Amino acid sequence: MQVSWGGPTERHLRALERFYERHPHARNEIFVDAASAAHFASTVEGLLTA
C-alpha cells in the first residue's frame, strides 16, 4: 500500500518496481490519496468488523 495525499509520485513508482522485483507474485498495489481516503477507511473498517 502506498499513501500519498497528492497521489503517487515517481518515488512511489520506483519503490513499487523494486518491491515487485523481490515479490513477483504480490497482488496489485493500492494507492490511497485524498480522493480515495474516505472510501479506503470505510472498506477497511467494514473488513475489521465483519
Protein backbone atom coordinates (compact mmCIF):
# COMPACT_ATOMS: atom_id res chain seq x y z
CA MET A 1 0.00 0.00 0.00
CA GLN A 2 1.26 3.46 -0.85
CA VAL A 3 -0.19 6.51 0.90
CA SER A 4 0.32 9.98 -0.52
CA TRP A 5 -2.18 12.77 -0.06
CA GLY A 6 -1.47 14.16 -3.52
CA GLY A 7 -1.33 10.81 -5.33
CA PRO A 8 1.57 8.58 -6.34
CA THR A 9 4.84 10.24 -7.23
CA GLU A 10 7.83 8.99 -9.19
CA ARG A 11 9.37 7.89 -5.87
CA HIS A 12 6.34 5.68 -5.14
CA LEU A 13 6.51 4.09 -8.57
CA ARG A 14 10.24 3.32 -8.20
CA ALA A 15 9.58 1.75 -4.80
CA LEU A 16 6.88 -0.43 -6.34
CA GLU A 17 9.24 -1.56 -9.10
CA ARG A 18 11.80 -2.65 -6.50
CA PHE A 19 9.10 -4.36 -4.44
CA TYR A 20 7.80 -6.37 -7.41
CA GLU A 21 11.34 -7.40 -8.32
CA ARG A 22 11.62 -9.06 -4.90
CA HIS A 23 7.97 -10.23 -4.71
CA PRO A 24 6.83 -11.02 -8.27
CA HIS A 25 3.68 -12.82 -7.09
CA ALA A 26 2.40 -9.94 -4.96
CA ARG A 27 -1.06 -8.59 -5.63
CA ASN A 28 -1.77 -5.26 -7.29
CA GLU A 29 -0.76 -2.12 -5.49
CA ILE A 30 -3.19 0.08 -3.60
CA PHE A 31 -2.76 3.84 -3.67
CA VAL A 32 -4.54 5.89 -1.02
CA ASP A 33 -4.79 9.60 -1.71
CA ALA A 34 -7.07 12.49 -0.80
CA ALA A 35 -9.74 11.32 -3.25
CA SER A 36 -9.83 7.72 -2.01
CA ALA A 37 -9.02 8.04 1.72
CA ALA A 38 -12.63 8.01 2.98
CA HIS A 39 -13.58 5.04 0.79
CA PHE A 40 -10.48 3.12 1.85
CA ALA A 41 -11.12 3.81 5.55
CA SER A 42 -14.73 2.62 5.35
CA THR A 43 -13.71 -0.50 3.43
CA VAL A 44 -11.06 -1.40 5.99
CA GLU A 45 -13.45 -0.69 8.87
CA GLY A 46 -16.02 -2.98 7.26
CA LEU A 47 -13.46 -5.77 6.92
CA LEU A 48 -12.35 -5.41 10.53
CA THR A 49 -15.88 -5.51 11.94
CA ALA A 50 -17.15 -8.35 9.73
